[in-house]
Amino acid sequence: MNAVRAATDADMPAVRRIARRFGLLTGWPQGADFLDAERAFGALLIASASAEDAAGFGGTLRRADLTHLGDLFVLPDRQSGGVGRALLAELLAGDGPKVTFASSDPRALALYVRHGLRPWTPLLYLTGPAAPLPAPPVRAALPAEVADADARASGGARPGTLSWYAAQPDVTLHVTDGDGYAFARRAGDDTLIGPAGGGTPGDCADAVLGALAATGARTGRIAVPGPHPLVPLLLGAGWHIADHDTFMADEAALARLRPDRYVPHPDLG
């Protein structure tokens, strides 16, 4: 019997073994990663009969009362046995808006729908060259400067998560003269953008493009909701869709989020 419980320090090697099995830690350096953020600012649960026999795990991050379901992974030989349902029932218990990025697995989509979430829009994982994209002016900033703007764009306040991410290696934060902001993480010649947002779609797009240029990277990666104006711009500039998920949300979250002016971080929401 696999008990669902909060992951402890002793469970983290098992959790990370499962995460690596699904390629989840690619791009995160040795040390702190999004699993640590889930433990600190949300919930990280493990389904395990013992520390040596983990079947799966799931994690959430909170933005005020909004719950972002970031992870739900069950080992292939333990699937279809109720482990995922048990994890999800605990992770999505309680009131408040809920969102997730669902993979193309039809079992996952159906499971989320049964928990009140609805398919909303594609979330496109785009990658491509930084040049010759526009480079709107941006300046460096501190997380406290963008906490309110991020709360409006992302659907809820998360100052602790923003400060944690900004303190990670090679992460920088950029703001426009308007109401745009974008976090960037440089890894060699590549930069991952997100979270980013703005009061208007243009503010968000300017912050993303400005942050990408400011890092000096040759290539960029970004998770963009389908309605965002960056989608046609980047595809027209030679970027390509490396993968995609489905942005799912319940009615309460739909009332808060605007997919044309927010760019999530793939792992932090």
Protein backbone atom coordinates (compact mmCIF):
# COMPACT_ATOMS: atom_id res chain seq x y z
CA MET A 1 0.00 0.00 0.00
CA ASN A 2 1.45 3.37 -1.03
CA ALA A 3 0.82 6.01 1.62
CA VAL A 4 0.58 9.62 0.42
CA ARG A 5 2.46 11.97 2.74
CA ALA A 6 4.61 15.09 2.77
CA ALA A 7 8.11 14.45 1.45
CA THR A 8 10.85 14.73 4.08
CA ASP A 9 14.57 15.36 3.68
CA ALA A 10 15.08 11.60 3.71
CA ASP A 11 12.61 11.21 0.81
CA MET A 12 14.27 13.72 -1.51
CA PRO A 13 16.73 11.26 -3.13
CA ALA A 14 13.78 9.04 -4.08
CA VAL A 15 11.76 12.01 -5.34
CA ARG A 16 14.67 13.19 -7.45
CA ARG A 17 15.21 9.71 -8.88
CA ILE A 18 11.64 9.78 -10.19
CA ALA A 19 12.06 13.37 -11.40
CA ARG A 20 15.19 12.42 -13.36
CA ARG A 21 13.37 9.38 -14.76
CA PHE A 22 10.98 11.83 -16.43
CA GLY A 23 13.67 14.38 -17.37
CA LEU A 24 12.33 17.03 -15.00
CA LEU A 25 15.61 18.36 -13.64
CA THR A 26 17.19 19.19 -17.00
CA GLY A 27 18.39 22.79 -16.90
CA TRP A 28 18.56 22.99 -13.12
CA PRO A 29 22.10 23.07 -11.72
CA GLN A 30 23.32 21.00 -8.81
CA GLY A 31 21.85 22.36 -5.60
CA ALA A 32 18.45 23.95 -5.18
CA ASP A 33 15.75 23.21 -7.76
CA PHE A 34 12.00 23.60 -8.16
CA LEU A 35 11.34 20.62 -5.87
CA ASP A 36 12.85 22.63 -3.02
CA ALA A 37 10.60 25.55 -3.96
CA GLU A 38 7.54 23.29 -3.81
CA ARG A 39 8.48 22.13 -0.32
CA ALA A 40 9.08 25.70 0.82
CA PHE A 41 6.19 27.55 -0.87
CA GLY A 42 3.58 24.88 -1.56
CA ALA A 43 3.43 21.14 -1.00
CA LEU A 44 5.54 18.20 -2.13
CA LEU A 45 3.95 14.79 -1.56
CA ILE A 46 5.34 11.32 -2.09
CA ALA A 47 3.43 8.06 -2.60
CA SER A 48 5.54 5.47 -0.88
CA ALA A 49 5.27 2.32 1.17
CA SER A 50 8.79 3.04 2.45
CA ALA A 51 11.69 5.40 1.76
CA GLU A 52 13.10 2.75 -0.60
CA ASP A 53 9.85 2.10 -2.48
CA ALA A 54 8.52 5.37 -3.93
CA ALA A 55 5.84 5.00 -6.58
CA GLY A 56 5.39 8.65 -7.49
CA PHE A 57 5.23 12.21 -6.28
CA GLY A 58 3.31 15.42 -6.80
CA GLY A 59 3.94 19.05 -6.00
CA THR A 60 2.21 22.41 -5.89
CA LEU A 61 3.19 26.04 -5.53
CA ARG A 62 0.94 28.70 -4.02
CA ARG A 63 0.23 32.20 -5.28
CA ALA A 64 -1.80 33.61 -2.40
CA ASP A 65 -4.90 31.35 -2.44
CA LEU A 66 -4.23 30.07 -5.97
CA THR A 67 -2.78 26.57 -6.24
CA HIS A 68 -0.50 25.77 -9.18
CA LEU A 69 -0.17 22.02 -9.64
CA GLY A 70 3.38 21.72 -10.89
CA ASP A 71 4.03 17.99 -10.78
CA LEU A 72 2.20 14.67 -10.76
CA PHE A 73 4.42 11.76 -11.79
CA VAL A 74 4.00 8.04 -11.22
CA LEU A 75 6.54 5.42 -12.29
CA PRO A 76 5.38 3.52 -15.41
CA ASP A 77 5.13 0.15 -13.65
CA ARG A 78 3.00 1.70 -10.90
CA GLN A 79 0.53 3.56 -13.09
CA SER A 80 -3.19 2.79 -13.38
CA GLY A 81 -3.24 1.63 -9.76
CA GLY A 82 -4.74 4.73 -8.15
CA VAL A 83 -1.46 6.36 -7.10
CA GLY A 84 -2.01 9.45 -9.26
CA ARG A 85 -5.59 9.84 -8.07
CA ALA A 86 -4.52 9.60 -4.44
CA LEU A 87 -1.80 12.21 -4.88
CA LEU A 88 -4.08 14.58 -6.77
CA ALA A 89 -6.88 14.30 -4.21
CA GLU A 90 -4.47 15.55 -1.54
CA LEU A 91 -2.77 18.19 -3.68
CA LEU A 92 -6.01 19.80 -4.90
CA ALA A 93 -7.95 19.53 -1.66
CA GLY A 94 -9.43 22.76 -0.33
CA ASP A 95 -10.85 25.91 -1.84
CA GLY A 96 -9.22 28.53 -4.03
CA PRO A 97 -8.39 28.80 -7.73
CA LYS A 98 -6.38 25.97 -9.32
CA VAL A 99 -4.24 25.74 -12.46
CA THR A 100 -1.88 23.24 -14.05
CA PHE A 101 0.04 22.52 -17.24
CA ALA A 102 -1.22 19.14 -18.45
CA SER A 103 0.80 16.84 -20.68
CA SER A 104 -0.71 15.19 -23.74
CA ASP A 105 -1.44 12.00 -21.77
CA PRO A 106 -5.23 11.62 -22.10
CA ARG A 107 -5.40 9.94 -18.70
CA ALA A 108 -3.96 13.04 -17.05
CA LEU A 109 -6.33 15.37 -18.89
CA ALA A 110 -9.34 13.33 -17.84
CA LEU A 111 -8.12 13.19 -14.25
CA TYR A 112 -7.76 16.97 -14.07
CA VAL A 113 -11.18 17.53 -15.61
CA ARG A 114 -12.71 15.31 -12.94
CA HIS A 115 -11.12 17.63 -10.37
CA GLY A 116 -12.82 20.70 -11.84
CA LEU A 117 -10.12 21.97 -14.21
CA ARG A 118 -10.85 22.69 -17.86
CA PRO A 119 -8.58 22.77 -20.92
CA TRP A 120 -7.98 26.45 -21.58
CA THR A 121 -5.25 27.10 -24.12
CA PRO A 122 -2.09 25.49 -25.48
CA LEU A 123 1.13 26.27 -23.64
CA LEU A 124 3.84 26.29 -26.29
CA TYR A 125 7.47 25.62 -25.40
CA LEU A 126 9.33 27.74 -27.93
CA THR A 127 13.05 27.89 -28.62
CA GLY A 128 15.05 29.88 -31.13
CA PRO A 129 17.69 32.52 -31.87
CA ALA A 130 17.88 35.72 -29.84
CA ALA A 131 18.89 37.76 -32.90
CA PRO A 132 17.50 39.61 -34.78
CA LEU A 133 14.58 40.05 -32.41
CA PRO A 134 13.68 43.53 -31.13
CA ALA A 135 15.47 44.56 -27.94
CA PRO A 136 13.28 46.98 -25.94
CA PRO A 137 15.16 48.80 -23.16
CA VAL A 138 15.05 47.18 -19.72
CA ARG A 139 16.84 47.69 -16.42
CA ALA A 140 17.79 45.35 -13.60
CA ALA A 141 15.38 45.16 -10.67
CA LEU A 142 14.78 43.46 -7.34
CA PRO A 143 11.92 41.00 -6.74
CA ALA A 144 10.13 43.38 -4.37
CA GLU A 145 9.77 45.86 -7.24
CA VAL A 146 7.71 43.43 -9.33
CA ALA A 147 5.80 41.55 -6.62
CA ASP A 148 2.56 43.48 -7.18
CA ALA A 149 2.78 43.31 -10.97
CA ASP A 150 3.44 39.59 -10.81
CA ALA A 151 0.48 39.05 -8.48
CA ARG A 152 -1.78 40.78 -11.00
CA ALA A 153 -0.38 38.88 -13.98
CA SER A 154 -0.08 35.43 -12.40
CA GLY A 155 -3.27 35.45 -10.35
CA GLY A 156 -1.80 35.67 -6.86
CA ALA A 157 1.03 37.01 -4.73
CA ARG A 158 4.19 34.90 -4.27
CA PRO A 159 6.94 37.19 -2.95
CA GLY A 160 8.79 34.31 -1.29
CA THR A 161 8.97 32.26 -4.48
CA LEU A 162 10.17 35.25 -6.50
CA SER A 163 12.90 36.07 -4.01
CA TRP A 164 13.98 32.42 -3.87
CA TYR A 165 14.25 32.21 -7.65
CA ALA A 166 16.07 35.52 -7.98
CA ALA A 167 18.70 34.21 -5.55
CA GLN A 168 19.47 31.14 -7.69
CA PRO A 169 22.65 31.09 -9.81
CA ASP A 170 22.57 33.06 -13.09
CA VAL A 171 19.02 34.39 -12.57
CA THR A 172 18.40 38.05 -13.36
CA LEU A 173 15.27 40.20 -13.21
CA HIS A 174 14.49 42.91 -15.77
CA VAL A 175 11.78 45.56 -15.94
CA THR A 176 10.62 47.98 -18.63
CA ASP A 177 9.80 51.65 -18.23
CA GLY A 178 6.17 50.57 -18.40
CA ASP A 179 4.57 47.74 -16.44
CA GLY A 180 6.56 44.79 -17.76
CA TYR A 181 8.91 42.44 -15.93
CA ALA A 182 10.76 39.24 -16.84
CA PHE A 183 13.01 36.81 -15.00
CA ALA A 184 15.82 35.25 -17.03
CA ARG A 185 18.13 32.34 -16.31
CA ARG A 186 21.31 32.12 -18.36
CA ALA A 187 22.83 28.68 -18.98
CA GLY A 188 25.78 28.87 -21.33
CA ASP A 189 24.61 30.37 -24.61
CA ASP A 190 20.96 29.77 -23.76
CA THR A 191 18.48 31.77 -21.67
CA LEU A 192 15.21 30.60 -20.14
CA ILE A 193 12.66 33.40 -19.74
CA GLY A 194 9.90 33.36 -17.11
CA PRO A 195 7.96 34.18 -15.16
CA ALA A 196 7.17 37.40 -17.00
CA GLY A 197 4.16 39.64 -17.22
CA GLY A 198 2.78 43.10 -17.71
CA GLY A 199 -0.24 45.33 -17.48
CA THR A 200 -0.78 44.94 -21.22
CA PRO A 201 0.27 42.29 -23.75
CA GLY A 202 2.77 44.78 -25.14
CA ASP A 203 4.32 45.41 -21.72
CA CYS A 204 4.84 41.69 -21.21
CA ALA A 205 6.28 41.16 -24.70
CA ASP A 206 8.69 44.10 -24.29
CA ALA A 207 9.94 42.74 -20.97
CA VAL A 208 10.53 39.27 -22.42
CA LEU A 209 12.37 40.56 -25.49
CA GLY A 210 14.36 43.07 -23.45
CA ALA A 211 15.39 40.45 -20.89
CA LEU A 212 16.46 38.04 -23.61
CA ALA A 213 18.63 40.71 -25.23
CA ALA A 214 20.06 41.84 -21.89
CA THR A 215 21.44 38.38 -21.08
CA GLY A 216 23.46 38.32 -24.31
CA ALA A 217 22.47 34.73 -25.03
CA ARG A 218 22.46 33.29 -28.53
CA THR A 219 19.28 31.29 -28.03
CA GLY A 220 16.24 31.50 -25.83
CA ARG A 221 13.53 29.28 -24.39
CA ILE A 222 10.09 30.38 -23.27
CA ALA A 223 6.73 28.82 -22.37
CA VAL A 224 4.07 30.95 -24.07
CA PRO A 225 0.27 30.63 -23.82
CA GLY A 226 -1.35 30.35 -27.24
CA PRO A 227 -3.10 33.78 -27.27
CA HIS A 228 0.07 35.69 -26.37
CA PRO A 229 1.33 38.13 -29.05
CA LEU A 230 4.82 36.64 -28.71
CA VAL A 231 3.67 33.43 -30.41
CA PRO A 232 3.42 34.78 -33.98
CA LEU A 233 6.38 37.11 -33.43
CA LEU A 234 8.75 34.34 -32.32
CA LEU A 235 7.57 31.79 -34.86
CA GLY A 236 7.95 34.40 -37.56
CA ALA A 237 11.53 34.99 -36.39
CA GLY A 238 12.51 31.36 -36.89
CA TRP A 239 11.70 29.91 -33.49
CA HIS A 240 10.09 26.49 -33.31
CA ILE A 241 7.72 24.62 -31.01
CA ALA A 242 9.80 22.10 -29.09
CA ASP A 243 6.85 20.74 -27.10
CA HIS A 244 3.48 21.78 -25.78
CA ASP A 245 1.17 21.27 -22.81
CA THR A 246 -2.42 22.26 -22.14
CA PHE A 247 -2.98 25.16 -19.74
CA MET A 248 -5.84 23.99 -17.52
CA ALA A 249 -7.72 26.00 -14.91
CA ASP A 250 -10.93 26.08 -12.95
CA GLU A 251 -13.50 28.87 -13.22
CA ALA A 252 -12.02 30.90 -10.37
CA ALA A 253 -8.57 30.91 -11.96
CA LEU A 254 -9.97 31.78 -15.36
CA ALA A 255 -11.40 34.95 -13.87
CA ARG A 256 -7.92 36.09 -12.77
CA LEU A 257 -5.43 35.04 -15.43
CA ARG A 258 -4.88 36.68 -18.80
CA PRO A 259 -2.92 34.42 -21.15
CA ASP A 260 -2.09 37.32 -23.47
CA ARG A 261 -0.02 39.16 -20.83
CA TYR A 262 1.62 36.45 -18.74
CA VAL A 263 4.50 34.07 -19.46
CA PRO A 264 4.93 31.37 -16.81
CA HIS A 265 8.11 29.66 -15.74
CA PRO A 266 7.84 26.03 -16.94
CA ASP A 267 8.58 24.65 -13.46
CA LEU A 268 7.47 27.45 -11.14
CA GLY A 269 4.22 28.43 -12.83
